[in-house]
Amino acid sequence: MYERFTNRAKKVINLAIQEGKLFNHEHLGTEHLLLGLSKEGGGVAANVLEHCFNLSFRRIHLDVKKKVPSAPELVTMSELPQTAHAKKAIENAWEEAQLLSHNYVGTEHLLLGLLRVEEGLAIKILEDRGLRIKDIRAEVLNILGHGL
């Protein structure tokens, strides 16, 4: 599934898993994907979140910590199973890439895919910060040259 992911997109997935483990969570959720996108730091998604919407990794981390506290037990799994929402976000990323006629999945596609999972915790975190999902989506598309 990840063969068409850019190195940055693969890094996002690895960072998301790492963040899930740091929280001692037993799953990989949309909140971890959002953390990974932000922490990656150099891709389109991180730049949109940080520079266009003033949403740093630290702020997202604090929001996740408030909404889903760390578990007391240390998670020892090498891989964290994805929640249905996280899996859908990753599937959506490939769809977004195809819609844009891209043959790869980058951080921008991961963010666009994540924004389509309305039930995920990542959306709640963004909306609780006063951000509108359609504005984030529009900014990503604008940067990619597909804006309205």
Foldseek 3Di string as FASTA:
>chain_A
DQPQADPLLVQLQVQLQVVCQVLQHQARFLLSSLLSLCVSCPDLSVCLCCVVVVHHSVNSSVLCCVVPGRDPDGDDDPGHHYDPLLVQLVVQLVVVCVVVVHSGRYSLSSLVSNLVSCPTVVVVSCVVSVHDSVVSNQVSCVVVVNHD
